[in-house]
Protein backbone atom coordinates (compact mmCIF):
# COMPACT_ATOMS: atom_id res chain seq x y z
CA UNK A 1 102.00 180.05 70.18
CA UNK A 2 103.78 177.33 68.23
CA UNK A 3 101.90 176.47 65.07
CA UNK A 4 101.12 172.86 64.31
CA UNK A 5 103.22 173.13 61.17
CA UNK A 6 106.26 174.28 63.15
CA UNK A 7 105.68 171.53 65.69
CA UNK A 8 105.53 168.86 62.99
CA UNK A 9 108.66 170.28 61.39
CA UNK A 10 110.51 170.22 64.71
CA UNK A 11 109.32 166.69 65.44
CA UNK A 12 110.53 165.55 62.03
CA UNK A 13 113.97 167.00 62.74
CA UNK A 14 114.11 165.21 66.08
CA UNK A 15 113.13 161.93 64.45
CA UNK A 16 115.78 162.42 61.78
CA UNK A 17 118.44 163.19 64.41
CA UNK A 18 117.70 160.04 66.40
CA UNK A 19 117.46 157.97 63.24
CA UNK A 20 120.97 159.14 62.40
CA UNK A 21 122.10 158.36 65.93
CA UNK A 22 120.71 154.83 65.67
CA UNK A 23 122.62 154.39 62.42
CA UNK A 24 125.81 155.54 64.14
CA UNK A 25 125.22 153.13 67.00
CA UNK A 26 124.67 150.16 64.68
CA UNK A 27 127.68 150.92 62.48
CA UNK A 28 130.26 152.39 64.88
CA UNK A 29 129.35 152.21 68.56
CA UNK A 30 127.60 148.97 69.39
CA UNK A 31 130.66 146.71 69.73
CA UNK A 32 132.36 149.15 72.08
CA UNK A 33 129.10 149.59 74.01
CA UNK A 34 128.82 145.83 74.52
CA UNK A 35 132.42 145.69 75.74
CA UNK A 36 131.84 148.53 78.24
CA UNK A 37 128.72 146.74 79.51
CA UNK A 38 130.73 143.55 79.96
CA UNK A 39 133.41 145.51 81.79
CA UNK A 40 130.76 146.80 84.22
CA UNK A 41 129.40 143.28 84.79
CA UNK A 42 132.86 141.80 85.28
CA UNK A 43 133.73 144.62 87.67
CA UNK A 44 130.61 143.89 89.70
CA UNK A 45 131.31 140.15 89.85
CA UNK A 46 134.95 140.64 90.84
CA UNK A 47 134.02 143.18 93.54
CA UNK A 48 131.33 140.90 94.95
CA UNK A 49 133.65 137.91 95.22
CA UNK A 50 136.49 140.06 96.55
CA UNK A 51 134.38 141.37 99.42
CA UNK A 52 132.92 137.92 100.00
CA UNK A 53 136.48 136.71 100.52
CA UNK A 54 137.40 139.76 102.62
CA UNK A 55 134.17 140.75 104.44
CA UNK A 56 135.99 142.97 106.94
CA UNK A 57 137.00 145.29 104.11
CA UNK A 58 133.45 145.66 102.84
CA UNK A 59 132.45 147.88 105.77
CA UNK A 60 135.38 150.20 105.12
CA UNK A 61 134.64 150.33 101.41
CA UNK A 62 130.94 150.94 102.01
CA UNK A 63 131.68 153.76 104.47
CA UNK A 64 134.05 155.36 101.97
CA UNK A 65 131.43 155.05 99.22
CA UNK A 66 128.78 156.68 101.44
CA UNK A 67 131.13 159.57 102.25
CA UNK A 68 131.83 160.16 98.57
CA UNK A 69 128.13 160.12 97.67
CA UNK A 70 127.06 162.30 100.61
CA UNK A 71 129.84 164.79 99.96
CA UNK A 72 128.42 165.41 96.48
CA UNK A 73 124.84 165.87 97.65
CA UNK A 74 123.44 168.98 99.38
CA UNK A 75 122.19 168.31 102.87
CA UNK A 76 118.46 167.67 103.24
CA UNK A 77 118.01 168.04 99.48
CA UNK A 78 114.71 166.86 98.04
CA UNK A 79 112.58 167.33 94.98
CA UNK A 80 114.04 169.63 92.31
CA UNK A 81 117.17 170.36 94.36
CA UNK A 82 117.96 166.66 94.70
CA UNK A 83 117.25 166.02 91.03
CA UNK A 84 119.59 168.85 90.03
CA UNK A 85 122.36 167.55 92.31
CA UNK A 86 121.99 164.01 90.96
CA UNK A 87 122.00 165.25 87.37
CA UNK A 88 125.07 167.42 87.92
CA UNK A 89 127.08 164.66 89.58
CA UNK A 90 126.22 162.13 86.89
CA UNK A 91 126.85 164.67 84.15
CA UNK A 92 130.26 165.47 85.60
CA UNK A 93 131.22 161.78 85.76
CA UNK A 94 129.95 161.20 82.21
CA UNK A 95 131.72 164.21 80.70
CA UNK A 96 134.96 163.15 82.41
CA UNK A 97 134.57 159.67 80.89
CA UNK A 98 134.06 161.28 77.48
CA UNK A 99 136.95 163.71 77.87
CA UNK A 100 139.23 160.87 78.93
CA UNK A 101 138.88 159.61 75.38
CA UNK A 102 141.06 162.50 74.23
CA UNK A 103 144.02 160.62 75.72
CA UNK A 104 145.01 157.94 73.19
CA UNK A 105 146.21 154.38 73.82
CA UNK A 106 145.05 154.13 77.47
CA UNK A 107 141.25 153.82 77.02
CA UNK A 108 140.73 155.65 80.32
CA UNK A 109 137.03 156.02 79.55
CA UNK A 110 136.59 152.37 80.52
CA UNK A 111 137.42 153.38 84.10
CA UNK A 112 133.84 154.58 84.71
CA UNK A 113 132.14 151.20 84.15
CA UNK A 114 134.89 149.52 86.20
CA UNK A 115 134.22 151.84 89.16
CA UNK A 116 130.46 151.61 88.85
CA UNK A 117 130.61 147.85 88.49
CA UNK A 118 132.74 147.65 91.61
CA UNK A 119 130.26 149.81 93.51
CA UNK A 120 127.37 147.59 92.38
CA UNK A 121 129.20 144.48 93.48
CA UNK A 122 129.90 146.04 96.87
CA UNK A 123 126.27 147.08 97.34
CA UNK A 124 124.95 143.63 96.42
CA UNK A 125 127.31 142.01 98.93
CA UNK A 126 126.36 144.52 101.64
CA UNK A 127 122.64 143.89 101.06
CA UNK A 128 123.13 140.14 101.19
CA UNK A 129 125.13 140.27 104.45
CA UNK A 130 122.37 142.35 106.05
CA UNK A 131 119.81 139.70 105.20
CA UNK A 132 117.84 141.91 102.83
CA UNK A 133 116.14 140.70 99.69
CA UNK A 134 118.70 141.65 97.05
CA UNK A 135 116.34 141.24 94.05
CA UNK A 136 113.62 143.33 95.71
CA UNK A 137 115.98 146.13 96.76
CA UNK A 138 117.52 146.27 93.31
CA UNK A 139 114.11 146.21 91.66
CA UNK A 140 112.73 149.01 93.84
CA UNK A 141 115.73 151.21 94.61
CA UNK A 142 117.95 150.77 91.56
CA UNK A 143 116.11 149.61 88.46
CA UNK A 144 113.68 152.56 88.02
CA UNK A 145 116.41 155.17 87.62
CA UNK A 146 119.30 152.78 86.97
CA UNK A 147 117.90 151.77 83.58
CA UNK A 148 118.49 155.31 82.38
CA UNK A 149 121.52 156.17 84.51
CA UNK A 150 123.61 153.09 83.80
CA UNK A 151 122.73 153.25 80.10
CA UNK A 152 123.95 156.86 80.04
CA UNK A 153 127.19 155.96 81.83
CA UNK A 154 127.86 153.13 79.41
CA UNK A 155 127.12 155.30 76.39
CA UNK A 156 129.43 158.06 77.66
CA UNK A 157 132.20 155.52 78.25
CA UNK A 158 131.54 153.99 74.85
CA UNK A 159 131.90 157.38 73.18
CA UNK A 160 135.11 158.06 75.09
CA UNK A 161 136.63 154.72 74.09
CA UNK A 162 135.51 155.25 70.50
CA UNK A 163 137.14 158.66 70.48
CA UNK A 164 140.36 157.30 71.98
CA UNK A 165 140.58 154.44 69.50
CA UNK A 166 140.05 156.75 66.56
CA UNK A 167 142.71 159.15 67.79
CA UNK A 168 145.07 156.18 68.01
CA UNK A 169 144.08 155.22 64.47
CA UNK A 170 144.93 158.71 63.23
CA UNK A 171 148.24 158.74 65.07
CA UNK A 172 149.31 155.35 63.70
CA UNK A 173 147.85 155.75 60.21
CA UNK A 174 150.93 157.30 58.53
CA UNK A 175 153.21 154.65 60.04
CA UNK A 176 150.90 151.83 59.02
CA UNK A 177 150.55 153.22 55.53
CA UNK A 178 154.35 153.37 55.13
CA UNK A 179 154.84 149.79 56.33
CA UNK A 180 151.88 148.11 54.67
CA UNK A 181 151.13 150.42 51.73
CA UNK A 182 147.62 150.84 53.05
CA UNK A 183 145.72 154.07 52.52
CA UNK A 184 144.68 156.09 55.60
CA UNK A 185 141.07 155.45 54.65
CA UNK A 186 141.61 151.69 54.91
CA UNK A 187 143.48 152.06 58.20
CA UNK A 188 140.35 153.49 59.81
CA UNK A 189 138.02 150.71 58.73
CA UNK A 190 138.95 148.33 61.54
CA UNK A 191 137.55 150.76 64.10
CA UNK A 192 134.50 151.77 62.12
CA UNK A 193 135.50 155.38 61.66
CA UNK A 194 134.38 157.35 58.65
CA UNK A 195 137.56 158.20 56.70
CA UNK A 196 135.86 161.31 55.38
CA UNK A 197 135.70 162.76 58.91
CA UNK A 198 138.38 165.20 59.92
CA UNK A 199 139.42 165.61 63.53
CA UNK A 200 136.91 168.40 64.14
CA UNK A 201 134.12 166.34 62.57
CA UNK A 202 135.03 163.35 64.75
CA UNK A 203 134.82 165.43 67.92
CA UNK A 204 131.57 167.02 66.74
CA UNK A 205 130.08 163.57 66.05
CA UNK A 206 130.96 162.32 69.53
CA UNK A 207 129.69 165.47 71.26
CA UNK A 208 126.47 165.34 69.26
CA UNK A 209 125.93 161.73 70.32
CA UNK A 210 126.58 162.73 73.93
CA UNK A 211 123.96 165.47 73.75
CA UNK A 212 121.41 163.30 71.97
CA UNK A 213 121.67 160.26 74.23
CA UNK A 214 123.58 160.82 77.46
CA UNK A 215 122.10 164.15 78.55
CA UNK A 216 118.42 163.15 78.12
CA UNK A 217 119.01 159.83 79.88
CA UNK A 218 120.76 161.54 82.79
CA UNK A 219 117.94 164.05 83.08
CA UNK A 220 115.27 161.33 83.17
CA UNK A 221 117.35 159.29 85.62
CA UNK A 222 117.71 162.26 87.98
CA UNK A 223 113.99 163.01 87.90
CA UNK A 224 113.07 159.37 88.56
CA UNK A 225 115.62 159.02 91.37
CA UNK A 226 114.51 162.25 93.05
CA UNK A 227 110.74 161.89 92.71
CA UNK A 228 109.78 158.27 92.02
CA UNK A 229 112.39 156.11 93.74
CA UNK A 230 111.69 157.60 97.22
CA UNK A 231 107.97 156.86 96.81
CA UNK A 232 108.69 153.27 95.80
CA UNK A 233 111.13 152.86 98.66
CA UNK A 234 108.58 154.03 101.23
CA UNK A 235 105.88 151.84 99.74
CA UNK A 236 107.98 148.69 99.99
CA UNK A 237 110.29 149.29 102.97
CA UNK A 238 108.59 151.76 105.30
């Protein structure tokens, strides 16, 4: 049995951890997060208008998207098995977006919101061409789990971009200091990095943020998509 004192102590630690995470978000992540969200929106708008201008290609793209999704899901999966498959696939995409941040200069982590935005734009166009109520379908089939899932994707991409930018800052710092007589600490300020952080501390900070935010959101999203979204879909579209 867990004593009430131990429970309160554990709860206090959790509160402190998320308070620290909120401070990190406000001071270092939020601008990048907003940019990644805008990238997703722009990707969705561009994809929608592209397929509106080339409707014949939408069927091919939609078929390819279905094949990709179905290939990652076990056949006839439901309940816990479906939730686990959804979580694993989203976790894999998110960890790749984070790991892409280890490659400096290219900001490859922004690729995830571009792809997801394109997929959203394609789906909205496909729903509209089939005469379905786009707001209702999105509200029932996407919003319940998408609130958590898309937020997790954006946060993972944000962390990857943040990591990439700070690696770039560290690579260029000596050169910038030589040319401008600026200390390495000052060179980091434009990105919001803590000059007291070493490389290991930077990676640990990003991984900790991933565990605190992305993993719980992906877990909740998978549970909602596997257990709640099907019920809502049957209630509205059966």
